[in-house]
Amino acid sequence: MNIASAALAATVFSLALCGAAGAQPYPAQPLRLVVPVAAGGPTDILTRAVSPRFGEALGQQVIIENRPGAGGTIATELVAKAVPDGYTLLMADISIASNPSLYKSVTYNVRDSFAPVGIVAVAPLVLVVNPSSPARSVKELIQLARSQPGKLSYGAAPATPTHFGPEVLKEAQGLEITFVPYKGIAPALVDLIGGRLSFAMLGISGAKTFIDSGKLRVLAITGTRRAAALRDVPTFAEAGVPLPDMDSGAWWGIVAPAGVARDTIRKLNGALAKALSAADVRGRLTALNFEPVSNSPEEFGALIRKEALKWARVIQRAGIRID
């Protein structure tokens, strides 16, 4: 065989290898799961609890990449612009639906920029007050707010569920309540326990220790049913103050860039459902006060679109703006 023939044969062989690699069943390499917040928060903790079993079900490693910043828009836009091959995913939270109404600079569209994979978990919020508060129910807190317009206050990090929840309550009941912004929920908790705030709406994980120790009094919980961790606490509807806009509480789910093949999305959804059905995963999430749930890509897409419309209304009514 002359040199030219050998070179041609080598080229053909290389192309054949590339074709064989490209024809490998998905997934043929590790996946990247982008988290829109820094390590240590609820979204990150949830992701790390689920990802090992998710990767096991897929037969590939799932590498977590934290990309915090701009309220989650940095990570969300990164995934929206990623190659739609199924190897870059986002652990989305409520910010994917609310940020288009908060940031003028957002370039993604919840309807067209993503291929939903499936929901992962939900978590309610609890309405808590300082034990010295005269309010022992949601209705009594509302009466107190009406008797002292503008005097009551709540604290939260801006543009988070803990900010949106009280705004929904204010709008639904026509209340004048002062919002005190904080960089995170921890300093707001300090001021609530110290009596410098009137109330707050928090995730169970952040509030339960203080509820159990008597440092906070819990009045109600969002969602359509009571939480296993706080069975004696009524929902807002049971307390006589329904808040339909808060029925979903906080939620998390996985999305891929738009354009990922339908078969790939189905495989991802099946692997996610398998991971969430594992007893160790369910036990871990329940212990962390997350409620593991599963749905189809279509159902999760419908939820994201519904949430985007809902938060657009809430944000516009409340006049919330980040940029």
C-alpha atoms as a PDB file:
ATOM      1  CA  MET A   1       0.000   0.000   0.000  1.00  0.00           C
ATOM      2  CA  ASN A   2       1.498   3.362  -0.993  1.00  0.00           C
ATOM      3  CA  ILE A   3       1.592   6.410   1.268  1.00  0.00           C
ATOM      4  CA  ALA A   4      -1.442   8.049  -0.363  1.00  0.00           C
ATOM      5  CA  SER A   5      -3.532   4.892   0.004  1.00  0.00           C
ATOM      6  CA  ALA A   6      -2.451   4.492   3.620  1.00  0.00           C
ATOM      7  CA  ALA A   7      -3.403   8.094   4.396  1.00  0.00           C
ATOM      8  CA  LEU A   8      -6.780   7.645   2.747  1.00  0.00           C
ATOM      9  CA  ALA A   9      -7.385   4.452   4.682  1.00  0.00           C
ATOM     10  CA  ALA A  10      -6.452   6.172   7.932  1.00  0.00           C
ATOM     11  CA  THR A  11      -8.837   9.040   7.179  1.00  0.00           C
ATOM     12  CA  VAL A  12     -11.698   6.677   6.367  1.00  0.00           C
ATOM     13  CA  PHE A  13     -11.010   4.714   9.563  1.00  0.00           C
ATOM     14  CA  SER A  14     -11.003   7.913  11.650  1.00  0.00           C
ATOM     15  CA  LEU A  15     -14.270   9.068  10.126  1.00  0.00           C
ATOM     16  CA  ALA A  16     -15.769   5.671  10.821  1.00  0.00           C
ATOM     17  CA  LEU A  17     -14.728   5.911  14.467  1.00  0.00           C
ATOM     18  CA  CYS A  18     -16.242   9.409  14.760  1.00  0.00           C
ATOM     19  CA  GLY A  19     -19.460   8.176  13.206  1.00  0.00           C
ATOM     20  CA  ALA A  20     -19.585   5.243  15.606  1.00  0.00           C
ATOM     21  CA  ALA A  21     -18.999   7.587  18.569  1.00  0.00           C
ATOM     22  CA  GLY A  22     -21.681   9.956  17.342  1.00  0.00           C
ATOM     23  CA  ALA A  23     -24.080   7.020  17.011  1.00  0.00           C
ATOM     24  CA  GLN A  24     -23.639   5.906  20.630  1.00  0.00           C
ATOM     25  CA  PRO A  25     -26.862   5.831  22.637  1.00  0.00           C
ATOM     26  CA  TYR A  26     -27.484   8.909  24.757  1.00  0.00           C
ATOM     27  CA  PRO A  27     -25.921   9.675  27.174  1.00  0.00           C
ATOM     28  CA  ALA A  28     -22.413   8.823  26.014  1.00  0.00           C
ATOM     29  CA  GLN A  29     -20.589  11.253  28.334  1.00  0.00           C
ATOM     30  CA  PRO A  30     -21.078  13.001  31.720  1.00  0.00           C
ATOM     31  CA  LEU A  31     -23.828  15.602  32.025  1.00  0.00           C
ATOM     32  CA  ARG A  32     -23.500  19.117  33.412  1.00  0.00           C
ATOM     33  CA  LEU A  33     -26.251  20.210  35.800  1.00  0.00           C
ATOM     34  CA  VAL A  34     -26.029  23.977  36.326  1.00  0.00           C
ATOM     35  CA  VAL A  35     -27.270  25.401  39.645  1.00  0.00           C
ATOM     36  CA  PRO A  36     -28.239  29.121  39.608  1.00  0.00           C
ATOM     37  CA  VAL A  37     -27.123  29.792  43.189  1.00  0.00           C
ATOM     38  CA  ALA A  38     -23.995  29.408  45.296  1.00  0.00           C
ATOM     39  CA  ALA A  39     -23.223  26.179  47.110  1.00  0.00           C
ATOM     40  CA  GLY A  40     -25.022  25.623  50.393  1.00  0.00           C
ATOM     41  CA  GLY A  41     -28.507  27.014  49.715  1.00  0.00           C
ATOM     42  CA  PRO A  42     -31.711  24.966  49.338  1.00  0.00           C
ATOM     43  CA  THR A  43     -31.424  24.660  45.547  1.00  0.00           C
ATOM     44  CA  ASP A  44     -27.831  23.439  45.799  1.00  0.00           C
ATOM     45  CA  ILE A  45     -28.613  21.014  48.638  1.00  0.00           C
ATOM     46  CA  LEU A  46     -31.567  19.597  46.707  1.00  0.00           C
ATOM     47  CA  THR A  47     -29.474  19.167  43.569  1.00  0.00           C
ATOM     48  CA  ARG A  48     -26.711  17.314  45.412  1.00  0.00           C
ATOM     49  CA  ALA A  49     -29.252  15.028  47.068  1.00  0.00           C
ATOM     50  CA  VAL A  50     -30.818  13.989  43.766  1.00  0.00           C
ATOM     51  CA  SER A  51     -27.932  14.043  41.265  1.00  0.00           C
ATOM     52  CA  PRO A  52     -26.129  10.797  42.270  1.00  0.00           C
ATOM     53  CA  ARG A  53     -29.235   8.659  41.709  1.00  0.00           C
ATOM     54  CA  PHE A  54     -30.124  10.674  38.603  1.00  0.00           C
ATOM     55  CA  GLY A  55     -26.700   9.929  37.140  1.00  0.00           C
ATOM     56  CA  GLU A  56     -26.966   6.287  38.173  1.00  0.00           C
ATOM     57  CA  ALA A  57     -30.267   5.966  36.314  1.00  0.00           C
ATOM     58  CA  LEU A  58     -28.678   7.533  33.221  1.00  0.00           C
ATOM     59  CA  GLY A  59     -25.493   5.496  33.468  1.00  0.00           C
ATOM     60  CA  GLN A  60     -23.352   8.634  33.500  1.00  0.00           C
ATOM     61  CA  GLN A  61     -21.904  11.030  36.045  1.00  0.00           C
ATOM     62  CA  VAL A  62     -23.848  14.241  36.650  1.00  0.00           C
ATOM     63  CA  ILE A  63     -21.433  17.090  37.341  1.00  0.00           C
ATOM     64  CA  ILE A  64     -22.862  19.982  39.361  1.00  0.00           C
ATOM     65  CA  GLU A  65     -21.773  23.464  38.344  1.00  0.00           C
ATOM     66  CA  ASN A  66     -22.756  26.404  40.545  1.00  0.00           C
ATOM     67  CA  ARG A  67     -23.228  29.619  38.552  1.00  0.00           C
ATOM     68  CA  PRO A  68     -24.678  32.195  40.982  1.00  0.00           C
ATOM     69  CA  GLY A  69     -25.390  35.806  40.128  1.00  0.00           C
ATOM     70  CA  ALA A  70     -28.048  38.261  38.959  1.00  0.00           C
ATOM     71  CA  GLY A  71     -30.836  36.436  40.760  1.00  0.00           C
ATOM     72  CA  GLY A  72     -30.268  33.264  38.757  1.00  0.00           C
ATOM     73  CA  THR A  73     -30.256  34.859  35.305  1.00  0.00           C
ATOM     74  CA  ILE A  74     -26.573  34.107  34.640  1.00  0.00           C
ATOM     75  CA  ALA A  75     -27.058  30.345  34.954  1.00  0.00           C
ATOM     76  CA  THR A  76     -30.448  30.364  33.263  1.00  0.00           C
ATOM     77  CA  GLU A  77     -29.220  32.246  30.206  1.00  0.00           C
ATOM     78  CA  LEU A  78     -26.108  30.059  30.030  1.00  0.00           C
ATOM     79  CA  VAL A  79     -28.264  26.948  29.719  1.00  0.00           C
ATOM     80  CA  ALA A  80     -30.712  28.619  27.327  1.00  0.00           C
ATOM     81  CA  LYS A  81     -27.776  29.281  24.954  1.00  0.00           C
ATOM     82  CA  ALA A  82     -26.066  25.903  25.405  1.00  0.00           C
ATOM     83  CA  VAL A  83     -25.782  23.334  22.622  1.00  0.00           C
ATOM     84  CA  PRO A  84     -29.103  21.421  22.679  1.00  0.00           C
ATOM     85  CA  ASP A  85     -27.534  17.971  22.918  1.00  0.00           C
ATOM     86  CA  GLY A  86     -28.888  16.995  26.336  1.00  0.00           C
ATOM     87  CA  TYR A  87     -25.558  17.323  28.132  1.00  0.00           C
ATOM     88  CA  THR A  88     -26.211  20.735  29.732  1.00  0.00           C
ATOM     89  CA  LEU A  89     -29.165  21.042  32.120  1.00  0.00           C
ATOM     90  CA  LEU A  90     -30.449  23.573  34.646  1.00  0.00           C
ATOM     91  CA  MET A  91     -31.853  22.971  38.099  1.00  0.00           C
ATOM     92  CA  ALA A  92     -34.492  25.660  37.750  1.00  0.00           C
ATOM     93  CA  ASP A  93     -36.387  27.284  40.574  1.00  0.00           C
ATOM     94  CA  ILE A  94     -39.061  29.954  40.727  1.00  0.00           C
ATOM     95  CA  SER A  95     -36.594  32.549  39.382  1.00  0.00           C
ATOM     96  CA  ILE A  96     -36.836  31.093  35.865  1.00  0.00           C
ATOM     97  CA  ALA A  97     -40.486  32.187  35.847  1.00  0.00           C
ATOM     98  CA  SER A  98     -40.210  35.462  37.768  1.00  0.00           C
ATOM     99  CA  ASN A  99     -36.977  36.964  36.402  1.00  0.00           C
ATOM    100  CA  PRO A 100     -38.372  38.017  32.987  1.00  0.00           C
ATOM    101  CA  SER A 101     -40.652  40.393  34.907  1.00  0.00           C
ATOM    102  CA  LEU A 102     -37.874  41.591  37.221  1.00  0.00           C
ATOM    103  CA  TYR A 103     -34.901  42.138  34.898  1.00  0.00           C
ATOM    104  CA  LYS A 104     -35.089  44.173  31.707  1.00  0.00           C
ATOM    105  CA  SER A 105     -31.914  42.482  30.512  1.00  0.00           C
ATOM    106  CA  VAL A 106     -33.287  38.922  30.504  1.00  0.00           C
ATOM    107  CA  THR A 107     -32.824  37.367  27.058  1.00  0.00           C
ATOM    108  CA  TYR A 108     -34.596  34.043  27.507  1.00  0.00           C
ATOM    109  CA  ASN A 109     -38.273  33.244  27.090  1.00  0.00           C
ATOM    110  CA  VAL A 110     -39.858  30.594  29.307  1.00  0.00           C
ATOM    111  CA  ARG A 111     -42.031  29.364  26.454  1.00  0.00           C
ATOM    112  CA  ASP A 112     -39.428  29.145  23.685  1.00  0.00           C
ATOM    113  CA  SER A 113     -35.957  28.898  25.262  1.00  0.00           C
ATOM    114  CA  PHE A 114     -36.226  25.638  27.204  1.00  0.00           C
ATOM    115  CA  ALA A 115     -37.222  22.011  26.941  1.00  0.00           C
ATOM    116  CA  PRO A 116     -38.709  21.080  30.346  1.00  0.00           C
ATOM    117  CA  VAL A 117     -37.594  17.704  31.732  1.00  0.00           C
ATOM    118  CA  GLY A 118     -39.610  17.416  34.926  1.00  0.00           C
ATOM    119  CA  ILE A 119     -40.281  18.794  38.369  1.00  0.00           C
ATOM    120  CA  VAL A 120     -38.133  17.570  41.262  1.00  0.00           C
ATOM    121  CA  ALA A 121     -39.602  18.896  44.489  1.00  0.00           C
ATOM    122  CA  VAL A 122     -41.867  21.469  46.077  1.00  0.00           C
ATOM    123  CA  ALA A 123     -41.732  23.151  49.485  1.00  0.00           C
ATOM    124  CA  PRO A 124     -44.306  25.317  51.228  1.00  0.00           C
ATOM    125  CA  LEU A 125     -43.691  28.566  53.072  1.00  0.00           C
ATOM    126  CA  VAL A 126     -44.793  29.217  56.643  1.00  0.00           C
ATOM    127  CA  LEU A 127     -46.094  32.508  58.001  1.00  0.00           C
ATOM    128  CA  VAL A 128     -44.336  33.175  61.310  1.00  0.00           C
ATOM    129  CA  VAL A 129     -44.426  35.931  63.913  1.00  0.00           C
ATOM    130  CA  ASN A 130     -42.496  36.719  67.071  1.00  0.00           C
ATOM    131  CA  PRO A 131     -44.086  34.982  70.093  1.00  0.00           C
ATOM    132  CA  SER A 132     -44.744  38.394  71.627  1.00  0.00           C
ATOM    133  CA  SER A 133     -47.058  39.307  68.742  1.00  0.00           C
ATOM    134  CA  PRO A 134     -50.731  39.597  69.707  1.00  0.00           C
ATOM    135  CA  ALA A 135     -51.618  37.777  66.469  1.00  0.00           C
ATOM    136  CA  ARG A 136     -52.327  34.105  67.041  1.00  0.00           C
ATOM    137  CA  SER A 137     -53.897  33.438  63.643  1.00  0.00           C
ATOM    138  CA  VAL A 138     -53.682  34.790  60.112  1.00  0.00           C
ATOM    139  CA  LYS A 139     -56.976  36.604  60.553  1.00  0.00           C
ATOM    140  CA  GLU A 140     -55.711  38.278  63.725  1.00  0.00           C
ATOM    141  CA  LEU A 141     -52.532  39.365  61.909  1.00  0.00           C
ATOM    142  CA  ILE A 142     -54.663  40.863  59.141  1.00  0.00           C
ATOM    143  CA  GLN A 143     -56.823  42.677  61.695  1.00  0.00           C
ATOM    144  CA  LEU A 144     -53.678  43.995  63.377  1.00  0.00           C
ATOM    145  CA  ALA A 145     -52.325  45.270  60.053  1.00  0.00           C
ATOM    146  CA  ARG A 146     -55.611  47.000  59.247  1.00  0.00           C
ATOM    147  CA  SER A 147     -55.702  48.693  62.646  1.00  0.00           C
ATOM    148  CA  GLN A 148     -52.173  50.063  62.135  1.00  0.00           C
ATOM    149  CA  PRO A 149     -51.727  50.898  58.441  1.00  0.00           C
ATOM    150  CA  GLY A 150     -48.059  50.933  57.449  1.00  0.00           C
ATOM    151  CA  LYS A 151     -46.847  49.983  60.950  1.00  0.00           C
ATOM    152  CA  LEU A 152     -46.337  46.257  60.476  1.00  0.00           C
ATOM    153  CA  SER A 153     -43.248  45.063  58.601  1.00  0.00           C
ATOM    154  CA  TYR A 154     -41.852  41.905  57.090  1.00  0.00           C
ATOM    155  CA  GLY A 155     -38.354  41.029  55.946  1.00  0.00           C
ATOM    156  CA  ALA A 156     -37.047  39.035  52.990  1.00  0.00           C
ATOM    157  CA  ALA A 157     -34.405  38.930  50.307  1.00  0.00           C
ATOM    158  CA  PRO A 158     -35.847  40.874  47.339  1.00  0.00           C
ATOM    159  CA  ALA A 159     -37.488  38.994  44.463  1.00  0.00           C
ATOM    160  CA  THR A 160     -37.620  35.627  46.235  1.00  0.00           C
ATOM    161  CA  PRO A 161     -40.609  33.513  47.307  1.00  0.00           C
ATOM    162  CA  THR A 162     -40.202  34.931  50.822  1.00  0.00           C
ATOM    163  CA  HIS A 163     -40.740  38.394  49.300  1.00  0.00           C
ATOM    164  CA  PHE A 164     -43.521  37.423  46.902  1.00  0.00           C
ATOM    165  CA  GLY A 165     -45.587  35.583  49.525  1.00  0.00           C
ATOM    166  CA  PRO A 166     -46.233  38.574  51.789  1.00  0.00           C
ATOM    167  CA  GLU A 167     -46.920  40.724  48.720  1.00  0.00           C
ATOM    168  CA  VAL A 168     -49.599  38.255  47.646  1.00  0.00           C
ATOM    169  CA  LEU A 169     -51.117  38.471  51.139  1.00  0.00           C
ATOM    170  CA  LYS A 170     -50.972  42.296  51.096  1.00  0.00           C
ATOM    171  CA  GLU A 171     -52.634  42.501  47.688  1.00  0.00           C
ATOM    172  CA  ALA A 172     -55.312  39.915  48.481  1.00  0.00           C
ATOM    173  CA  GLN A 173     -56.286  41.631  51.738  1.00  0.00           C
ATOM    174  CA  GLY A 174     -55.643  45.268  50.767  1.00  0.00           C
ATOM    175  CA  LEU A 175     -53.079  45.798  53.520  1.00  0.00           C
ATOM    176  CA  GLU A 176     -50.440  48.486  54.065  1.00  0.00           C
ATOM    177  CA  ILE A 177     -47.357  46.635  55.299  1.00  0.00           C
ATOM    178  CA  THR A 178     -43.728  47.754  55.043  1.00  0.00           C
ATOM    179  CA  PHE A 179     -41.200  45.563  53.224  1.00  0.00           C
ATOM    180  CA  VAL A 180     -37.687  45.538  54.744  1.00  0.00           C
ATOM    181  CA  PRO A 181     -35.129  44.127  52.273  1.00  0.00           C
ATOM    182  CA  TYR A 182     -32.295  41.871  53.441  1.00  0.00           C
ATOM    183  CA  LYS A 183     -29.379  40.238  51.654  1.00  0.00           C
ATOM    184  CA  GLY A 184     -30.581  36.860  52.880  1.00  0.00           C
ATOM    185  CA  ILE A 185     -33.134  35.262  55.133  1.00  0.00           C
ATOM    186  CA  ALA A 186     -30.700  34.729  58.045  1.00  0.00           C
ATOM    187  CA  PRO A 187     -30.442  38.432  59.054  1.00  0.00           C
ATOM    188  CA  ALA A 188     -34.206  38.783  58.620  1.00  0.00           C
ATOM    189  CA  LEU A 189     -34.657  35.881  61.043  1.00  0.00           C
ATOM    190  CA  VAL A 190     -32.413  37.597  63.568  1.00  0.00           C
ATOM    191  CA  ASP A 191     -34.536  40.749  63.429  1.00  0.00           C
ATOM    192  CA  LEU A 192     -37.816  38.814  63.558  1.00  0.00           C
ATOM    193  CA  ILE A 193     -36.694  36.869  66.621  1.00  0.00           C
ATOM    194  CA  GLY A 194     -35.425  40.130  68.112  1.00  0.00           C
ATOM    195  CA  GLY A 195     -38.838  41.745  67.634  1.00  0.00           C
ATOM    196  CA  ARG A 196     -37.731  44.260  65.009  1.00  0.00           C
ATOM    197  CA  LEU A 197     -39.991  42.765  62.327  1.00  0.00           C
ATOM    198  CA  SER A 198     -43.674  41.893  62.555  1.00  0.00           C
ATOM    199  CA  PHE A 199     -43.675  38.690  60.507  1.00  0.00           C
ATOM    200  CA  ALA A 200     -42.041  36.737  57.705  1.00  0.00           C
ATOM    201  CA  MET A 201     -42.844  33.933  55.279  1.00  0.00           C
ATOM    202  CA  LEU A 202     -40.071  31.334  55.330  1.00  0.00           C
ATOM    203  CA  GLY A 203     -39.263  27.864  54.107  1.00  0.00           C
ATOM    204  CA  ILE A 204     -39.859  25.154  56.689  1.00  0.00           C
ATOM    205  CA  SER A 205     -36.161  24.253  56.728  1.00  0.00           C
ATOM    206  CA  GLY A 206     -35.182  27.727  57.852  1.00  0.00           C
ATOM    207  CA  ALA A 207     -38.005  28.157  60.343  1.00  0.00           C
ATOM    208  CA  LYS A 208     -38.668  24.793  61.983  1.00  0.00           C
ATOM    209  CA  THR A 209     -35.847  24.892  64.537  1.00  0.00           C
ATOM    210  CA  PHE A 210     -37.057  28.280  65.772  1.00  0.00           C
ATOM    211  CA  ILE A 211     -40.681  27.143  65.760  1.00  0.00           C
ATOM    212  CA  ASP A 212     -39.802  24.041  67.784  1.00  0.00           C
ATOM    213  CA  SER A 213     -37.774  26.083  70.270  1.00  0.00           C
ATOM    214  CA  GLY A 214     -40.569  28.601  70.746  1.00  0.00           C
ATOM    215  CA  LYS A 215     -38.621  31.519  69.271  1.00  0.00           C
ATOM    216  CA  LEU A 216     -41.191  31.854  66.476  1.00  0.00           C
ATOM    217  CA  ARG A 217     -44.940  31.279  66.343  1.00  0.00           C
ATOM    218  CA  VAL A 218     -46.277  29.751  63.124  1.00  0.00           C
ATOM    219  CA  LEU A 219     -49.716  30.830  61.903  1.00  0.00           C
ATOM    220  CA  ALA A 220     -50.250  29.124  58.545  1.00  0.00           C
ATOM    221  CA  ILE A 221     -48.598  27.302  55.672  1.00  0.00           C
ATOM    222  CA  THR A 222     -48.891  27.745  51.911  1.00  0.00           C
ATOM    223  CA  GLY A 223     -49.980  24.939  49.624  1.00  0.00           C
ATOM    224  CA  THR A 224     -53.082  22.830  49.290  1.00  0.00           C
ATOM    225  CA  ARG A 225     -52.395  20.440  52.193  1.00  0.00           C
ATOM    226  CA  ARG A 226     -50.644  20.409  55.529  1.00  0.00           C
ATOM    227  CA  ALA A 227     -46.965  19.557  55.769  1.00  0.00           C
ATOM    228  CA  ALA A 228     -45.820  16.316  57.392  1.00  0.00           C
ATOM    229  CA  ALA A 229     -43.277  18.260  59.436  1.00  0.00           C
ATOM    230  CA  LEU A 230     -45.948  20.629  60.822  1.00  0.00           C
ATOM    231  CA  ARG A 231     -49.174  18.644  60.901  1.00  0.00           C
ATOM    232  CA  ASP A 232     -50.868  20.995  63.393  1.00  0.00           C
ATOM    233  CA  VAL A 233     -50.350  24.062  61.201  1.00  0.00           C
ATOM    234  CA  PRO A 234     -53.327  24.945  58.956  1.00  0.00           C
ATOM    235  CA  THR A 235     -53.038  25.935  55.327  1.00  0.00           C
ATOM    236  CA  PHE A 236     -54.026  29.493  54.483  1.00  0.00           C
ATOM    237  CA  ALA A 237     -57.294  28.155  53.090  1.00  0.00           C
ATOM    238  CA  GLU A 238     -57.995  26.251  56.317  1.00  0.00           C
ATOM    239  CA  ALA A 239     -57.184  29.421  58.247  1.00  0.00           C
ATOM    240  CA  GLY A 240     -59.923  31.216  56.307  1.00  0.00           C
ATOM    241  CA  VAL A 241     -57.532  33.292  54.181  1.00  0.00           C
ATOM    242  CA  PRO A 242     -57.070  31.434  50.875  1.00  0.00           C
ATOM    243  CA  LEU A 243     -54.054  32.484  48.778  1.00  0.00           C
ATOM    244  CA  PRO A 244     -54.429  30.718  45.417  1.00  0.00           C
ATOM    245  CA  ASP A 245     -51.341  32.475  44.036  1.00  0.00           C
ATOM    246  CA  MET A 246     -49.222  30.748  46.693  1.00  0.00           C
ATOM    247  CA  ASP A 247     -50.626  27.242  46.298  1.00  0.00           C
ATOM    248  CA  SER A 248     -47.426  26.035  44.661  1.00  0.00           C
ATOM    249  CA  GLY A 249     -45.092  27.531  47.271  1.00  0.00           C
ATOM    250  CA  ALA A 250     -41.468  27.090  46.191  1.00  0.00           C
ATOM    251  CA  TRP A 251     -40.581  24.528  43.510  1.00  0.00           C
ATOM    252  CA  TRP A 252     -37.601  23.119  41.638  1.00  0.00           C
ATOM    253  CA  GLY A 253     -37.246  21.219  38.387  1.00  0.00           C
ATOM    254  CA  ILE A 254     -34.850  20.393  35.573  1.00  0.00           C
ATOM    255  CA  VAL A 255     -34.887  22.005  32.125  1.00  0.00           C
ATOM    256  CA  ALA A 256     -32.709  21.649  29.044  1.00  0.00           C
ATOM    257  CA  PRO A 257     -32.118  24.100  26.208  1.00  0.00           C
ATOM    258  CA  ALA A 258     -34.850  24.235  23.573  1.00  0.00           C
ATOM    259  CA  GLY A 259     -34.162  21.919  20.660  1.00  0.00           C
ATOM    260  CA  VAL A 260     -33.070  18.859  22.633  1.00  0.00           C
ATOM    261  CA  ALA A 261     -34.444  15.732  20.943  1.00  0.00           C
ATOM    262  CA  ARG A 262     -37.762  14.484  22.293  1.00  0.00           C
ATOM    263  CA  ASP A 263     -36.349  10.984  22.902  1.00  0.00           C
ATOM    264  CA  THR A 264     -33.538  12.525  24.972  1.00  0.00           C
ATOM    265  CA  ILE A 265     -36.022  14.501  27.076  1.00  0.00           C
ATOM    266  CA  ARG A 266     -38.046  11.332  27.659  1.00  0.00           C
ATOM    267  CA  LYS A 267     -34.919   9.464  28.762  1.00  0.00           C
ATOM    268  CA  LEU A 268     -34.003  12.293  31.143  1.00  0.00           C
ATOM    269  CA  ASN A 269     -37.525  12.407  32.546  1.00  0.00           C
ATOM    270  CA  GLY A 270     -37.538   8.652  33.114  1.00  0.00           C
ATOM    271  CA  ALA A 271     -34.181   8.772  34.877  1.00  0.00           C
ATOM    272  CA  LEU A 272     -35.355  11.667  37.058  1.00  0.00           C
ATOM    273  CA  ALA A 273     -38.524   9.799  38.032  1.00  0.00           C
ATOM    274  CA  LYS A 274     -36.444   6.738  38.905  1.00  0.00           C
ATOM    275  CA  ALA A 275     -34.089   8.829  41.044  1.00  0.00           C
ATOM    276  CA  LEU A 276     -36.980  10.467  42.891  1.00  0.00           C
ATOM    277  CA  SER A 277     -38.599   7.092  43.588  1.00  0.00           C
ATOM    278  CA  ALA A 278     -35.473   5.778  45.340  1.00  0.00           C
ATOM    279  CA  ALA A 279     -36.128   5.333  49.054  1.00  0.00           C
ATOM    280  CA  ASP A 280     -32.866   6.970  50.114  1.00  0.00           C
ATOM    281  CA  VAL A 281     -33.537  10.047  47.975  1.00  0.00           C
ATOM    282  CA  ARG A 282     -37.097  10.403  49.205  1.00  0.00           C
ATOM    283  CA  GLY A 283     -35.961   9.982  52.799  1.00  0.00           C
ATOM    284  CA  ARG A 284     -33.207  12.541  52.400  1.00  0.00           C
ATOM    285  CA  LEU A 285     -35.495  15.119  50.763  1.00  0.00           C
ATOM    286  CA  THR A 286     -38.242  14.602  53.334  1.00  0.00           C
ATOM    287  CA  ALA A 287     -35.711  15.075  56.135  1.00  0.00           C
ATOM    288  CA  LEU A 288     -34.694  18.349  54.491  1.00  0.00           C
ATOM    289  CA  ASN A 289     -38.377  19.413  54.306  1.00  0.00           C
ATOM    290  CA  PHE A 290     -38.643  19.070  50.524  1.00  0.00           C
ATOM    291  CA  GLU A 291     -41.548  17.142  49.038  1.00  0.00           C
ATOM    292  CA  PRO A 292     -40.270  15.002  46.124  1.00  0.00           C
ATOM    293  CA  VAL A 293     -42.687  14.979  43.197  1.00  0.00           C
ATOM    294  CA  SER A 294     -42.624  13.826  39.582  1.00  0.00           C
ATOM    295  CA  ASN A 295     -44.474  14.863  36.447  1.00  0.00           C
ATOM    296  CA  SER A 296     -44.153  14.754  32.681  1.00  0.00           C
ATOM    297  CA  PRO A 297     -42.174  17.242  30.594  1.00  0.00           C
ATOM    298  CA  GLU A 298     -45.463  18.628  29.290  1.00  0.00           C
ATOM    299  CA  GLU A 299     -46.893  19.096  32.777  1.00  0.00           C
ATOM    300  CA  PHE A 300     -43.741  20.804  34.013  1.00  0.00           C
ATOM    301  CA  GLY A 301     -43.724  23.110  30.990  1.00  0.00           C
ATOM    302  CA  ALA A 302     -47.329  24.075  31.697  1.00  0.00           C
ATOM    303  CA  LEU A 303     -46.420  24.836  35.332  1.00  0.00           C
ATOM    304  CA  ILE A 304     -43.517  27.099  34.329  1.00  0.00           C
ATOM    305  CA  ARG A 305     -45.701  29.049  31.894  1.00  0.00           C
ATOM    306  CA  LYS A 306     -48.483  29.383  34.484  1.00  0.00           C
ATOM    307  CA  GLU A 307     -45.997  30.576  37.104  1.00  0.00           C
ATOM    308  CA  ALA A 308     -44.499  33.146  34.709  1.00  0.00           C
ATOM    309  CA  LEU A 309     -47.933  34.680  34.076  1.00  0.00           C
ATOM    310  CA  LYS A 310     -48.810  34.642  37.782  1.00  0.00           C
ATOM    311  CA  TRP A 311     -45.607  36.293  38.958  1.00  0.00           C
ATOM    312  CA  ALA A 312     -45.795  38.878  36.194  1.00  0.00           C
ATOM    313  CA  ARG A 313     -49.146  39.958  37.666  1.00  0.00           C
ATOM    314  CA  VAL A 314     -47.892  39.925  41.267  1.00  0.00           C
ATOM    315  CA  ILE A 315     -44.674  41.777  40.435  1.00  0.00           C
ATOM    316  CA  GLN A 316     -46.489  44.426  38.409  1.00  0.00           C
ATOM    317  CA  ARG A 317     -49.118  45.006  41.114  1.00  0.00           C
ATOM    318  CA  ALA A 318     -46.470  45.224  43.837  1.00  0.00           C
ATOM    319  CA  GLY A 319     -44.181  47.454  41.755  1.00  0.00           C
ATOM    320  CA  ILE A 320     -41.194  45.152  42.322  1.00  0.00           C
ATOM    321  CA  ARG A 321     -38.212  45.893  40.049  1.00  0.00           C
ATOM    322  CA  ILE A 322     -34.565  44.857  40.076  1.00  0.00           C
ATOM    323  CA  ASP A 323     -33.231  46.742  37.036  1.00  0.00           C
END
